[in-house]
Amino acid sequence: MTLKPQKECHYYMHIALKFNSKAFFENLVIKMFTISSFLPAIWISLLYFFWTTAGWSLGHMPWPSHDDPKGINFFLSDFLYRTVGIGIFAMILVLPLWALLLFLMFRIKANVRKPMIFIFSVSYLLVLIQILIDPFEIMYWYLD
Protein backbone atom coordinates (compact mmCIF):
# COMPACT_ATOMS: atom_id res chain seq x y z
CA MET A 1 0.00 0.00 0.00
CA THR A 2 1.53 3.31 -1.08
CA LEU A 3 0.59 6.69 0.21
CA LYS A 4 0.16 9.56 -2.22
CA PRO A 5 1.25 13.03 -1.17
CA GLN A 6 -1.69 15.30 -0.72
CA LYS A 7 -1.97 18.63 -2.43
CA GLU A 8 -2.79 20.43 0.83
CA CYS A 9 0.55 19.46 2.32
CA HIS A 10 2.39 20.89 -0.68
CA TYR A 11 0.31 24.06 -0.48
CA TYR A 12 1.19 24.64 3.19
CA MET A 13 4.87 23.95 2.55
CA HIS A 14 4.77 26.58 -0.20
CA ILE A 15 3.30 29.12 2.23
CA ALA A 16 5.91 28.25 4.87
CA LEU A 17 8.70 28.78 2.33
CA LYS A 18 7.20 32.13 1.41
CA PHE A 19 7.25 33.30 5.04
CA ASN A 20 10.85 32.22 5.52
CA SER A 21 12.08 34.12 2.50
CA LYS A 22 14.44 37.05 2.59
CA ALA A 23 11.92 39.31 0.88
CA PHE A 24 9.37 38.73 3.65
CA PHE A 25 11.92 39.73 6.29
CA GLU A 26 12.91 42.85 4.36
CA ASN A 27 9.28 43.91 3.91
CA LEU A 28 8.61 43.31 7.59
CA VAL A 29 11.59 45.49 8.59
CA ILE A 30 10.52 48.28 6.24
CA LYS A 31 6.92 48.26 7.50
CA MET A 32 7.96 48.14 11.16
CA PHE A 33 10.42 51.00 10.57
CA THR A 34 7.69 53.09 8.95
CA ILE A 35 5.19 52.41 11.75
CA SER A 36 7.69 53.00 14.54
CA SER A 37 8.71 56.31 12.96
CA PHE A 38 5.22 57.69 13.62
CA LEU A 39 4.74 56.37 17.17
CA PRO A 40 6.18 59.41 19.02
CA ALA A 41 4.11 61.79 16.90
CA ILE A 42 0.97 59.76 17.56
CA TRP A 43 1.63 59.66 21.31
CA ILE A 44 2.30 63.39 21.67
CA SER A 45 -0.82 64.11 19.59
CA LEU A 46 -2.94 61.85 21.80
CA LEU A 47 -1.56 63.48 24.95
CA TYR A 48 -2.44 66.99 23.77
CA PHE A 49 -5.79 65.81 22.42
CA PHE A 50 -6.62 64.28 25.80
CA TRP A 51 -5.56 67.46 27.59
CA THR A 52 -7.57 69.77 25.33
CA THR A 53 -10.70 67.58 25.37
CA ALA A 54 -10.45 67.37 29.17
CA GLY A 55 -10.26 71.16 29.22
CA TRP A 56 -13.25 71.39 26.92
CA SER A 57 -15.19 69.01 29.16
CA LEU A 58 -14.27 70.90 32.35
CA GLY A 59 -14.74 74.38 30.96
CA HIS A 60 -11.13 75.31 31.82
CA MET A 61 -7.77 73.75 31.19
CA PRO A 62 -6.99 71.02 33.73
CA TRP A 63 -4.78 71.91 36.70
CA PRO A 64 -2.43 69.57 38.51
CA SER A 65 -3.75 68.40 41.90
CA HIS A 66 -7.25 69.75 41.13
CA ASP A 67 -8.61 67.90 38.10
CA ASP A 68 -7.87 64.19 38.18
CA PRO A 69 -7.55 62.78 34.63
CA LYS A 70 -9.27 59.56 35.74
CA GLY A 71 -12.25 61.48 37.07
CA ILE A 72 -12.96 63.48 33.92
CA ASN A 73 -15.82 61.89 32.03
CA PHE A 74 -16.34 62.60 28.36
CA PHE A 75 -16.54 60.53 25.24
CA LEU A 76 -13.32 58.47 24.81
CA SER A 77 -11.83 59.73 28.09
CA ASP A 78 -11.10 56.25 29.42
CA PHE A 79 -9.59 55.15 26.10
CA LEU A 80 -7.39 58.24 25.86
CA TYR A 81 -6.31 57.98 29.49
CA ARG A 82 -5.18 54.37 29.05
CA THR A 83 -3.60 54.94 25.64
CA VAL A 84 -1.52 57.87 26.88
CA GLY A 85 -0.46 55.84 29.93
CA ILE A 86 0.68 52.90 27.81
CA GLY A 87 2.37 55.35 25.46
CA ILE A 88 4.57 56.73 28.24
CA PHE A 89 6.18 53.32 28.64
CA ALA A 90 6.18 52.71 24.90
CA MET A 91 8.27 55.85 24.37
CA ILE A 92 11.00 54.27 26.48
CA LEU A 93 11.04 51.19 24.26
CA VAL A 94 10.51 52.82 20.88
CA LEU A 95 13.93 54.49 20.69
CA PRO A 96 16.03 51.29 20.87
CA LEU A 97 13.53 49.48 18.63
CA TRP A 98 13.69 52.25 16.04
CA ALA A 99 17.51 52.34 16.20
CA LEU A 100 17.64 48.57 15.65
CA LEU A 101 15.25 48.84 12.72
CA LEU A 102 17.29 51.69 11.23
CA PHE A 103 20.41 49.53 11.53
CA LEU A 104 18.58 46.65 9.82
CA MET A 105 17.39 48.99 7.07
CA PHE A 106 21.00 49.91 6.31
CA ARG A 107 22.04 46.27 6.68
CA ILE A 108 19.55 44.97 4.09
CA LYS A 109 20.37 47.97 1.90
CA ALA A 110 16.79 49.16 1.83
CA ASN A 111 15.93 52.64 0.70
CA VAL A 112 15.92 54.56 3.99
CA ARG A 113 13.33 57.29 3.72
CA LYS A 114 14.76 60.53 5.03
CA PRO A 115 11.32 61.98 5.91
CA MET A 116 10.81 59.04 8.30
CA ILE A 117 14.08 59.84 10.05
CA PHE A 118 13.08 63.52 10.26
CA ILE A 119 9.57 62.75 11.57
CA PHE A 120 10.90 60.39 14.22
CA SER A 121 13.69 62.74 15.30
CA VAL A 122 11.49 65.81 15.63
CA SER A 123 8.60 64.00 17.30
CA TYR A 124 10.88 62.15 19.73
CA LEU A 125 12.55 65.47 20.59
CA LEU A 126 9.08 66.87 21.32
CA VAL A 127 8.34 63.84 23.52
CA LEU A 128 11.57 64.41 25.47
CA ILE A 129 10.75 68.10 25.89
CA GLN A 130 7.26 67.19 27.07
CA ILE A 131 8.51 64.63 29.59
CA LEU A 132 11.55 66.53 30.89
CA ILE A 133 10.56 70.21 30.68
CA ASP A 134 6.77 69.70 30.75
CA PRO A 135 5.36 72.86 29.20
CA PHE A 136 1.82 73.60 30.43
CA GLU A 137 2.41 71.00 33.20
CA ILE A 138 0.53 68.34 31.24
CA MET A 139 2.65 65.42 32.44
CA TYR A 140 2.43 66.69 36.01
CA TRP A 141 -1.34 66.81 35.66
CA TYR A 142 -1.53 63.39 34.02
CA LEU A 143 0.76 61.59 36.48
CA ASP A 144 -0.60 63.34 39.57
C-alpha atoms as a PDB file:
ATOM      1  CA  MET A   1       0.000   0.000   0.000  1.00  0.00           C
ATOM      2  CA  THR A   2       1.530   3.314  -1.079  1.00  0.00           C
ATOM      3  CA  LEU A   3       0.587   6.691   0.206  1.00  0.00           C
ATOM      4  CA  LYS A   4       0.163   9.564  -2.216  1.00  0.00           C
ATOM      5  CA  PRO A   5       1.255  13.032  -1.166  1.00  0.00           C
ATOM      6  CA  GLN A   6      -1.685  15.296  -0.715  1.00  0.00           C
ATOM      7  CA  LYS A   7      -1.973  18.633  -2.425  1.00  0.00           C
ATOM      8  CA  GLU A   8      -2.787  20.430   0.831  1.00  0.00           C
ATOM      9  CA  CYS A   9       0.555  19.461   2.317  1.00  0.00           C
ATOM     10  CA  HIS A  10       2.393  20.891  -0.684  1.00  0.00           C
ATOM     11  CA  TYR A  11       0.309  24.064  -0.477  1.00  0.00           C
ATOM     12  CA  TYR A  12       1.186  24.639   3.190  1.00  0.00           C
ATOM     13  CA  MET A  13       4.869  23.953   2.552  1.00  0.00           C
ATOM     14  CA  HIS A  14       4.773  26.575  -0.197  1.00  0.00           C
ATOM     15  CA  ILE A  15       3.298  29.116   2.233  1.00  0.00           C
ATOM     16  CA  ALA A  16       5.909  28.248   4.869  1.00  0.00           C
ATOM     17  CA  LEU A  17       8.699  28.782   2.330  1.00  0.00           C
ATOM     18  CA  LYS A  18       7.195  32.128   1.414  1.00  0.00           C
ATOM     19  CA  PHE A  19       7.253  33.299   5.040  1.00  0.00           C
ATOM     20  CA  ASN A  20      10.850  32.224   5.515  1.00  0.00           C
ATOM     21  CA  SER A  21      12.081  34.117   2.499  1.00  0.00           C
ATOM     22  CA  LYS A  22      14.442  37.054   2.591  1.00  0.00           C
ATOM     23  CA  ALA A  23      11.918  39.308   0.883  1.00  0.00           C
ATOM     24  CA  PHE A  24       9.372  38.729   3.649  1.00  0.00           C
ATOM     25  CA  PHE A  25      11.919  39.732   6.293  1.00  0.00           C
ATOM     26  CA  GLU A  26      12.913  42.849   4.363  1.00  0.00           C
ATOM     27  CA  ASN A  27       9.281  43.909   3.907  1.00  0.00           C
ATOM     28  CA  LEU A  28       8.615  43.313   7.587  1.00  0.00           C
ATOM     29  CA  VAL A  29      11.589  45.490   8.593  1.00  0.00           C
ATOM     30  CA  ILE A  30      10.516  48.282   6.237  1.00  0.00           C
ATOM     31  CA  LYS A  31       6.921  48.258   7.498  1.00  0.00           C
ATOM     32  CA  MET A  32       7.960  48.138  11.158  1.00  0.00           C
ATOM     33  CA  PHE A  33      10.415  50.996  10.567  1.00  0.00           C
ATOM     34  CA  THR A  34       7.689  53.094   8.955  1.00  0.00           C
ATOM     35  CA  ILE A  35       5.190  52.410  11.748  1.00  0.00           C
ATOM     36  CA  SER A  36       7.687  53.003  14.542  1.00  0.00           C
ATOM     37  CA  SER A  37       8.711  56.307  12.955  1.00  0.00           C
ATOM     38  CA  PHE A  38       5.222  57.690  13.618  1.00  0.00           C
ATOM     39  CA  LEU A  39       4.743  56.365  17.171  1.00  0.00           C
ATOM     40  CA  PRO A  40       6.183  59.411  19.024  1.00  0.00           C
ATOM     41  CA  ALA A  41       4.109  61.792  16.905  1.00  0.00           C
ATOM     42  CA  ILE A  42       0.970  59.757  17.558  1.00  0.00           C
ATOM     43  CA  TRP A  43       1.628  59.665  21.310  1.00  0.00           C
ATOM     44  CA  ILE A  44       2.299  63.393  21.673  1.00  0.00           C
ATOM     45  CA  SER A  45      -0.822  64.113  19.589  1.00  0.00           C
ATOM     46  CA  LEU A  46      -2.936  61.848  21.802  1.00  0.00           C
ATOM     47  CA  LEU A  47      -1.556  63.484  24.949  1.00  0.00           C
ATOM     48  CA  TYR A  48      -2.438  66.991  23.775  1.00  0.00           C
ATOM     49  CA  PHE A  49      -5.788  65.814  22.417  1.00  0.00           C
ATOM     50  CA  PHE A  50      -6.617  64.277  25.802  1.00  0.00           C
ATOM     51  CA  TRP A  51      -5.560  67.461  27.591  1.00  0.00           C
ATOM     52  CA  THR A  52      -7.574  69.772  25.326  1.00  0.00           C
ATOM     53  CA  THR A  53     -10.697  67.584  25.370  1.00  0.00           C
ATOM     54  CA  ALA A  54     -10.449  67.370  29.172  1.00  0.00           C
ATOM     55  CA  GLY A  55     -10.259  71.159  29.224  1.00  0.00           C
ATOM     56  CA  TRP A  56     -13.249  71.386  26.919  1.00  0.00           C
ATOM     57  CA  SER A  57     -15.187  69.006  29.156  1.00  0.00           C
ATOM     58  CA  LEU A  58     -14.272  70.900  32.352  1.00  0.00           C
ATOM     59  CA  GLY A  59     -14.737  74.385  30.955  1.00  0.00           C
ATOM     60  CA  HIS A  60     -11.134  75.313  31.817  1.00  0.00           C
ATOM     61  CA  MET A  61      -7.768  73.754  31.186  1.00  0.00           C
ATOM     62  CA  PRO A  62      -6.989  71.016  33.733  1.00  0.00           C
ATOM     63  CA  TRP A  63      -4.780  71.912  36.698  1.00  0.00           C
ATOM     64  CA  PRO A  64      -2.434  69.568  38.505  1.00  0.00           C
ATOM     65  CA  SER A  65      -3.747  68.396  41.900  1.00  0.00           C
ATOM     66  CA  HIS A  66      -7.252  69.745  41.130  1.00  0.00           C
ATOM     67  CA  ASP A  67      -8.608  67.905  38.102  1.00  0.00           C
ATOM     68  CA  ASP A  68      -7.865  64.194  38.183  1.00  0.00           C
ATOM     69  CA  PRO A  69      -7.552  62.781  34.632  1.00  0.00           C
ATOM     70  CA  LYS A  70      -9.270  59.560  35.744  1.00  0.00           C
ATOM     71  CA  GLY A  71     -12.254  61.481  37.067  1.00  0.00           C
ATOM     72  CA  ILE A  72     -12.962  63.483  33.921  1.00  0.00           C
ATOM     73  CA  ASN A  73     -15.819  61.892  32.026  1.00  0.00           C
ATOM     74  CA  PHE A  74     -16.337  62.598  28.365  1.00  0.00           C
ATOM     75  CA  PHE A  75     -16.541  60.533  25.235  1.00  0.00           C
ATOM     76  CA  LEU A  76     -13.316  58.475  24.808  1.00  0.00           C
ATOM     77  CA  SER A  77     -11.830  59.729  28.092  1.00  0.00           C
ATOM     78  CA  ASP A  78     -11.096  56.249  29.422  1.00  0.00           C
ATOM     79  CA  PHE A  79      -9.593  55.147  26.102  1.00  0.00           C
ATOM     80  CA  LEU A  80      -7.393  58.244  25.859  1.00  0.00           C
ATOM     81  CA  TYR A  81      -6.305  57.976  29.494  1.00  0.00           C
ATOM     82  CA  ARG A  82      -5.183  54.369  29.050  1.00  0.00           C
ATOM     83  CA  THR A  83      -3.600  54.941  25.638  1.00  0.00           C
ATOM     84  CA  VAL A  84      -1.519  57.870  26.878  1.00  0.00           C
ATOM     85  CA  GLY A  85      -0.456  55.836  29.930  1.00  0.00           C
ATOM     86  CA  ILE A  86       0.682  52.903  27.812  1.00  0.00           C
ATOM     87  CA  GLY A  87       2.372  55.353  25.456  1.00  0.00           C
ATOM     88  CA  ILE A  88       4.570  56.725  28.241  1.00  0.00           C
ATOM     89  CA  PHE A  89       6.182  53.324  28.644  1.00  0.00           C
ATOM     90  CA  ALA A  90       6.177  52.708  24.900  1.00  0.00           C
ATOM     91  CA  MET A  91       8.267  55.853  24.372  1.00  0.00           C
ATOM     92  CA  ILE A  92      10.997  54.274  26.485  1.00  0.00           C
ATOM     93  CA  LEU A  93      11.045  51.191  24.256  1.00  0.00           C
ATOM     94  CA  VAL A  94      10.505  52.819  20.877  1.00  0.00           C
ATOM     95  CA  LEU A  95      13.929  54.493  20.689  1.00  0.00           C
ATOM     96  CA  PRO A  96      16.029  51.289  20.870  1.00  0.00           C
ATOM     97  CA  LEU A  97      13.535  49.481  18.633  1.00  0.00           C
ATOM     98  CA  TRP A  98      13.688  52.250  16.042  1.00  0.00           C
ATOM     99  CA  ALA A  99      17.512  52.343  16.202  1.00  0.00           C
ATOM    100  CA  LEU A 100      17.637  48.571  15.653  1.00  0.00           C
ATOM    101  CA  LEU A 101      15.252  48.835  12.717  1.00  0.00           C
ATOM    102  CA  LEU A 102      17.290  51.686  11.231  1.00  0.00           C
ATOM    103  CA  PHE A 103      20.414  49.525  11.529  1.00  0.00           C
ATOM    104  CA  LEU A 104      18.576  46.649   9.821  1.00  0.00           C
ATOM    105  CA  MET A 105      17.385  48.993   7.073  1.00  0.00           C
ATOM    106  CA  PHE A 106      21.002  49.906   6.313  1.00  0.00           C
ATOM    107  CA  ARG A 107      22.040  46.271   6.678  1.00  0.00           C
ATOM    108  CA  ILE A 108      19.550  44.965   4.089  1.00  0.00           C
ATOM    109  CA  LYS A 109      20.374  47.969   1.895  1.00  0.00           C
ATOM    110  CA  ALA A 110      16.786  49.160   1.833  1.00  0.00           C
ATOM    111  CA  ASN A 111      15.926  52.636   0.696  1.00  0.00           C
ATOM    112  CA  VAL A 112      15.922  54.559   3.991  1.00  0.00           C
ATOM    113  CA  ARG A 113      13.335  57.286   3.720  1.00  0.00           C
ATOM    114  CA  LYS A 114      14.756  60.534   5.032  1.00  0.00           C
ATOM    115  CA  PRO A 115      11.324  61.981   5.908  1.00  0.00           C
ATOM    116  CA  MET A 116      10.806  59.041   8.298  1.00  0.00           C
ATOM    117  CA  ILE A 117      14.078  59.843  10.052  1.00  0.00           C
ATOM    118  CA  PHE A 118      13.080  63.517  10.263  1.00  0.00           C
ATOM    119  CA  ILE A 119       9.568  62.754  11.567  1.00  0.00           C
ATOM    120  CA  PHE A 120      10.903  60.390  14.218  1.00  0.00           C
ATOM    121  CA  SER A 121      13.693  62.739  15.300  1.00  0.00           C
ATOM    122  CA  VAL A 122      11.492  65.812  15.630  1.00  0.00           C
ATOM    123  CA  SER A 123       8.601  64.003  17.304  1.00  0.00           C
ATOM    124  CA  TYR A 124      10.884  62.150  19.732  1.00  0.00           C
ATOM    125  CA  LEU A 125      12.551  65.468  20.592  1.00  0.00           C
ATOM    126  CA  LEU A 126       9.078  66.874  21.321  1.00  0.00           C
ATOM    127  CA  VAL A 127       8.345  63.836  23.518  1.00  0.00           C
ATOM    128  CA  LEU A 128      11.568  64.408  25.468  1.00  0.00           C
ATOM    129  CA  ILE A 129      10.754  68.102  25.894  1.00  0.00           C
ATOM    130  CA  GLN A 130       7.265  67.189  27.069  1.00  0.00           C
ATOM    131  CA  ILE A 131       8.507  64.631  29.586  1.00  0.00           C
ATOM    132  CA  LEU A 132      11.553  66.533  30.885  1.00  0.00           C
ATOM    133  CA  ILE A 133      10.563  70.211  30.680  1.00  0.00           C
ATOM    134  CA  ASP A 134       6.765  69.696  30.752  1.00  0.00           C
ATOM    135  CA  PRO A 135       5.362  72.865  29.202  1.00  0.00           C
ATOM    136  CA  PHE A 136       1.817  73.600  30.433  1.00  0.00           C
ATOM    137  CA  GLU A 137       2.411  71.001  33.197  1.00  0.00           C
ATOM    138  CA  ILE A 138       0.530  68.339  31.239  1.00  0.00           C
ATOM    139  CA  MET A 139       2.651  65.420  32.436  1.00  0.00           C
ATOM    140  CA  TYR A 140       2.432  66.691  36.005  1.00  0.00           C
ATOM    141  CA  TRP A 141      -1.343  66.809  35.656  1.00  0.00           C
ATOM    142  CA  TYR A 142      -1.531  63.390  34.023  1.00  0.00           C
ATOM    143  CA  LEU A 143       0.759  61.585  36.477  1.00  0.00           C
ATOM    144  CA  ASP A 144      -0.598  63.337  39.571  1.00  0.00           C
END
